[in-house]
Amino acid sequence: MIPSLFLAHGSPMLAIEHTPYTEFLGSLGQQIKPKAIVIFTAHWESEVLTVSSHDHVYDTIYDFGGFPDELYEVVYPAKGSTAVANQVMKRFEAAGIPVQTDATRGLDHGSWTLLHRMYPEANIPVVQISVHPYLPADVQYQIGKALQGLGEEDILVIGSGVTVHNLRMLNWGQSTPEPWAVAFDDWLLEQMKQGDLGALFQYDTLAPQAQKAVPRAEHFVPLFIAMGSGNGEPKVIYRGYDMGTLSYLSLSF
């Protein structure tokens, strides 16, 4: 069975840099061989959950600025899958979750930077899904839960985001993490270990330094979606920090 994953997509530079995290992503792609990928990306927001539904090659969206020319030359020509999109749609509809489709949007960097490192041949169909960051955490979890069991059909569900994501708090060139960022992730992991969903759903008021770590929830909610879609115990598969505060905490469920 394929687990669900929460993966940190961090800086777009992970598409071209060689770091311990990019090495980890490459190794992860060698370990997990799905027939299709369903990925929720923090860089596609919509009030109604939106599912990419087509069979053509995605455009690669460069939704960032100020990076080296080399990064804008990376192309990730994965195809979509209407068959998998329909399967996902039926599950959402059965769970009473409002959903719509999109046939034109390309892959944003919340998706292609990770997939470029994991599956560089771009030969696995991808279904990209939006997030609604203002829905409560328990609703995000239920969105994921609607997809529970896809791993048994060799479909990989990924929540692409970041646990600690505050661009104003980055410390350029700093290699050691700030204690407050570590404390926030420590709290998350402790609640997961205890299976305390109630506390996790109230992270914004209970977790230490929550307002610093999550000034806006779009990068955080993919964690709840990945958690809901999994069938196994939470497992830390990678942990590290960049620029003092940017967390690369990644988990499987």
Protein backbone atom coordinates (compact mmCIF):
# COMPACT_ATOMS: atom_id res chain seq x y z
CA MET A 1 0.00 0.00 0.00
CA ILE A 2 1.23 3.50 -0.83
CA PRO A 3 1.12 5.96 2.08
CA SER A 4 -0.14 9.51 1.85
CA LEU A 5 2.55 12.16 2.14
CA PHE A 6 2.91 15.68 3.42
CA LEU A 7 5.94 17.18 1.67
CA ALA A 8 7.52 20.57 2.21
CA HIS A 9 8.05 22.38 -1.06
CA GLY A 10 10.05 25.21 0.51
CA SER A 11 11.94 27.41 -1.93
CA PRO A 12 11.48 26.93 -5.70
CA MET A 13 15.26 26.51 -5.78
CA LEU A 14 14.85 22.91 -4.66
CA ALA A 15 14.15 22.15 -8.33
CA ILE A 16 17.78 22.89 -9.25
CA GLU A 17 19.78 22.85 -6.00
CA HIS A 18 21.55 19.80 -4.65
CA THR A 19 20.86 19.54 -0.92
CA PRO A 20 20.15 16.79 1.60
CA TYR A 21 16.44 17.44 1.05
CA THR A 22 16.58 17.12 -2.74
CA GLU A 23 18.58 13.90 -2.28
CA PHE A 24 15.83 12.69 0.04
CA LEU A 25 13.15 13.49 -2.56
CA GLY A 26 15.03 11.56 -5.21
CA SER A 27 15.35 8.56 -2.91
CA LEU A 28 11.67 8.79 -1.98
CA GLY A 29 10.71 8.66 -5.64
CA GLN A 30 12.75 5.49 -6.01
CA GLN A 31 10.94 3.89 -3.08
CA ILE A 32 7.37 4.83 -4.02
CA LYS A 33 6.18 3.91 -7.51
CA PRO A 34 2.53 4.97 -7.94
CA LYS A 35 0.38 4.58 -11.02
CA ALA A 36 -0.94 8.13 -10.52
CA ILE A 37 -0.39 11.13 -8.25
CA VAL A 38 -3.02 13.36 -6.62
CA ILE A 39 -1.41 16.51 -5.24
CA PHE A 40 -2.95 19.35 -3.20
CA THR A 41 -0.87 22.49 -3.70
CA ALA A 42 -0.69 25.54 -1.45
CA HIS A 43 -0.22 27.72 -4.52
CA TRP A 44 -3.67 27.11 -5.95
CA GLU A 45 -6.44 28.60 -3.84
CA SER A 46 -10.16 28.52 -4.58
CA GLU A 47 -13.35 28.79 -2.56
CA VAL A 48 -14.64 25.61 -4.19
CA LEU A 49 -12.31 22.62 -4.23
CA THR A 50 -11.05 22.40 -7.82
CA VAL A 51 -9.67 19.30 -9.52
CA SER A 52 -7.57 19.35 -12.68
CA SER A 53 -9.33 17.09 -15.15
CA HIS A 54 -7.74 16.49 -18.56
CA ASP A 55 -5.41 14.07 -20.35
CA HIS A 56 -3.01 16.53 -21.98
CA VAL A 57 0.46 17.67 -20.90
CA TYR A 58 0.42 20.37 -18.24
CA ASP A 59 2.03 23.74 -18.78
CA THR A 60 4.73 24.50 -16.20
CA ILE A 61 3.80 27.62 -14.22
CA TYR A 62 6.62 29.83 -12.93
CA ASP A 63 4.65 31.53 -10.17
CA PHE A 64 7.62 33.31 -8.59
CA GLY A 65 10.15 35.99 -9.45
CA GLY A 66 13.75 36.99 -8.91
CA PHE A 67 15.34 33.55 -9.28
CA PRO A 68 18.15 32.36 -11.58
CA ASP A 69 17.37 31.87 -15.28
CA GLU A 70 18.13 28.16 -14.90
CA LEU A 71 15.02 27.71 -12.76
CA TYR A 72 12.75 29.12 -15.49
CA GLU A 73 14.15 26.61 -17.94
CA VAL A 74 12.92 23.61 -15.96
CA VAL A 75 9.89 22.02 -17.63
CA TYR A 76 7.82 19.27 -16.05
CA PRO A 77 5.69 17.77 -18.87
CA ALA A 78 3.49 15.43 -16.86
CA LYS A 79 0.09 14.49 -18.23
CA GLY A 80 -3.22 14.74 -16.44
CA SER A 81 -5.74 11.92 -16.03
CA THR A 82 -9.47 12.35 -16.44
CA ALA A 83 -9.96 8.80 -15.18
CA VAL A 84 -8.25 9.54 -11.85
CA ALA A 85 -9.86 12.98 -11.66
CA ASN A 86 -13.30 11.39 -12.06
CA GLN A 87 -12.47 8.89 -9.34
CA VAL A 88 -11.50 11.73 -7.01
CA MET A 89 -14.58 13.76 -7.94
CA LYS A 90 -16.91 10.86 -7.13
CA ARG A 91 -15.34 10.47 -3.71
CA PHE A 92 -15.75 14.16 -2.90
CA GLU A 93 -19.33 14.18 -4.11
CA ALA A 94 -20.13 11.08 -2.04
CA ALA A 95 -18.75 12.87 1.02
CA GLY A 96 -20.87 15.96 0.32
CA ILE A 97 -17.85 18.14 -0.46
CA PRO A 98 -18.51 20.83 -3.10
CA VAL A 99 -16.14 20.33 -6.02
CA GLN A 100 -15.53 21.55 -9.57
CA THR A 101 -13.09 20.77 -12.37
CA ASP A 102 -10.48 22.73 -14.31
CA ALA A 103 -9.11 21.70 -17.70
CA THR A 104 -6.57 24.45 -18.39
CA ARG A 105 -4.45 25.34 -15.35
CA GLY A 106 -0.83 24.22 -15.39
CA LEU A 107 1.29 22.79 -12.60
CA ASP A 108 2.46 25.46 -10.15
CA HIS A 109 5.72 25.26 -8.24
CA GLY A 110 4.00 23.72 -5.23
CA SER A 111 3.63 20.65 -7.45
CA TRP A 112 6.32 20.52 -10.11
CA THR A 113 9.35 21.36 -7.99
CA LEU A 114 8.71 18.32 -5.79
CA LEU A 115 7.69 16.01 -8.63
CA HIS A 116 10.67 17.07 -10.74
CA ARG A 117 12.96 15.74 -8.01
CA MET A 118 10.93 12.62 -7.23
CA TYR A 119 9.93 11.54 -10.72
CA PRO A 120 12.17 13.41 -13.18
CA GLU A 121 10.91 11.45 -16.19
CA ALA A 122 7.43 12.99 -15.69
CA ASN A 123 5.87 9.68 -16.75
CA ILE A 124 3.27 9.38 -14.00
CA PRO A 125 -0.17 11.01 -14.50
CA VAL A 126 -0.84 13.90 -12.13
CA VAL A 127 -4.13 15.30 -10.81
CA GLN A 128 -3.62 18.69 -9.14
CA ILE A 129 -6.13 19.97 -6.58
CA SER A 130 -6.62 23.41 -5.04
CA VAL A 131 -6.93 24.31 -1.36
CA HIS A 132 -9.28 26.64 0.48
CA PRO A 133 -7.13 28.00 3.32
CA TYR A 134 -10.01 29.51 5.28
CA LEU A 135 -11.89 26.29 5.92
CA PRO A 136 -11.52 24.97 9.50
CA ALA A 137 -8.82 22.40 10.14
CA ASP A 138 -11.34 19.61 10.81
CA VAL A 139 -12.94 20.25 7.41
CA GLN A 140 -9.53 20.05 5.74
CA TYR A 141 -9.05 16.70 7.45
CA GLN A 142 -12.40 15.49 6.09
CA ILE A 143 -11.37 16.53 2.57
CA GLY A 144 -8.41 14.22 2.94
CA LYS A 145 -10.50 11.49 4.53
CA ALA A 146 -12.70 11.38 1.43
CA LEU A 147 -9.64 10.07 -0.44
CA GLN A 148 -8.64 7.52 2.18
CA GLY A 149 -7.83 4.19 0.55
CA LEU A 150 -6.45 5.55 -2.72
CA GLY A 151 -3.07 4.26 -1.62
CA GLU A 152 -4.46 0.73 -1.82
CA GLU A 153 -5.05 1.41 -5.53
CA ASP A 154 -1.46 2.59 -6.00
CA ILE A 155 -2.47 6.25 -6.18
CA LEU A 156 -0.17 8.57 -4.25
CA VAL A 157 -1.83 11.46 -2.39
CA ILE A 158 0.49 14.37 -1.58
CA GLY A 159 -0.23 17.45 0.48
CA SER A 160 2.34 20.03 -0.68
CA GLY A 161 2.96 22.84 1.77
CA VAL A 162 5.16 23.92 4.70
CA THR A 163 4.52 23.74 8.45
CA VAL A 164 6.57 26.82 9.38
CA HIS A 165 6.20 29.33 6.55
CA ASN A 166 6.72 32.97 7.36
CA LEU A 167 8.70 34.74 4.64
CA ARG A 168 9.11 37.85 6.80
CA MET A 169 10.91 35.80 9.44
CA LEU A 170 13.51 34.24 7.12
CA ASN A 171 17.14 34.77 8.10
CA TRP A 172 19.13 34.59 4.89
CA GLY A 173 22.28 32.53 5.18
CA GLN A 174 21.41 31.11 8.61
CA SER A 175 21.99 27.35 8.77
CA THR A 176 20.73 26.67 12.30
CA PRO A 177 16.99 26.73 13.02
CA GLU A 178 15.33 29.25 15.29
CA PRO A 179 14.11 27.64 18.57
CA TRP A 180 10.56 28.92 18.08
CA ALA A 181 10.26 27.21 14.68
CA VAL A 182 11.52 23.94 16.15
CA ALA A 183 9.12 24.27 19.09
CA PHE A 184 6.14 24.63 16.77
CA ASP A 185 7.04 21.50 14.81
CA ASP A 186 7.80 19.63 18.05
CA TRP A 187 4.30 20.44 19.29
CA LEU A 188 2.72 19.18 16.07
CA LEU A 189 4.64 15.92 16.23
CA GLU A 190 3.74 15.37 19.90
CA GLN A 191 0.01 15.79 19.20
CA MET A 192 0.26 13.41 16.24
CA LYS A 193 2.06 10.87 18.42
CA GLN A 194 -0.75 11.08 20.95
CA GLY A 195 -3.41 11.00 18.26
CA ASP A 196 -4.91 14.22 19.62
CA LEU A 197 -6.83 15.50 16.61
CA GLY A 198 -8.77 17.92 18.79
CA ALA A 199 -5.60 19.73 19.78
CA LEU A 200 -4.24 19.67 16.22
CA PHE A 201 -7.46 21.20 14.91
CA GLN A 202 -6.91 24.06 17.40
CA TYR A 203 -3.23 24.51 16.57
CA ASP A 204 -3.72 28.24 15.97
CA THR A 205 -4.54 28.83 19.65
CA LEU A 206 -2.75 25.92 21.35
CA ALA A 207 0.57 25.51 19.52
CA PRO A 208 3.54 27.63 20.66
CA GLN A 209 4.37 30.47 18.28
CA ALA A 210 1.49 29.47 15.99
CA GLN A 211 0.95 32.99 14.68
CA LYS A 212 4.63 33.28 13.77
CA ALA A 213 4.73 29.84 12.17
CA VAL A 214 1.45 30.10 10.27
CA PRO A 215 0.64 33.75 9.52
CA ARG A 216 -1.62 32.47 6.73
CA ALA A 217 -2.92 28.92 6.47
CA GLU A 218 -2.55 28.08 2.76
CA HIS A 219 0.77 26.28 3.26
CA PHE A 220 -0.37 24.56 6.44
CA VAL A 221 -3.72 23.01 5.49
CA PRO A 222 -2.21 20.42 3.10
CA LEU A 223 -0.89 18.76 6.27
CA PHE A 224 -4.44 18.05 7.48
CA ILE A 225 -5.48 16.84 4.04
CA ALA A 226 -2.55 14.42 3.83
CA MET A 227 -3.23 13.26 7.39
CA GLY A 228 -6.88 12.58 6.64
CA SER A 229 -6.14 10.66 3.46
CA GLY A 230 -3.67 8.27 5.10
CA ASN A 231 -4.30 4.93 6.74
CA GLY A 232 -1.16 4.57 8.85
CA GLU A 233 0.49 6.15 11.87
CA PRO A 234 2.22 9.48 11.23
CA LYS A 235 5.92 9.01 10.51
CA VAL A 236 8.57 11.69 10.12
CA ILE A 237 10.41 10.98 6.88
CA TYR A 238 12.48 14.16 6.76
CA ARG A 239 13.18 17.09 9.07
CA GLY A 240 15.34 20.10 8.44
CA TYR A 241 15.26 23.90 8.27
CA ASP A 242 16.50 26.54 5.87
CA MET A 243 17.18 30.22 6.49
CA GLY A 244 16.52 29.74 10.19
CA THR A 245 12.78 29.28 10.05
CA LEU A 246 11.64 27.59 6.82
CA SER A 247 10.66 24.07 7.82
CA TYR A 248 11.21 21.05 5.59
CA LEU A 249 9.36 18.74 7.95
CA SER A 250 7.81 15.96 5.83
CA LEU A 251 5.63 13.07 6.94
CA SER A 252 3.98 9.91 5.71
CA PHE A 253 0.60 8.65 6.88
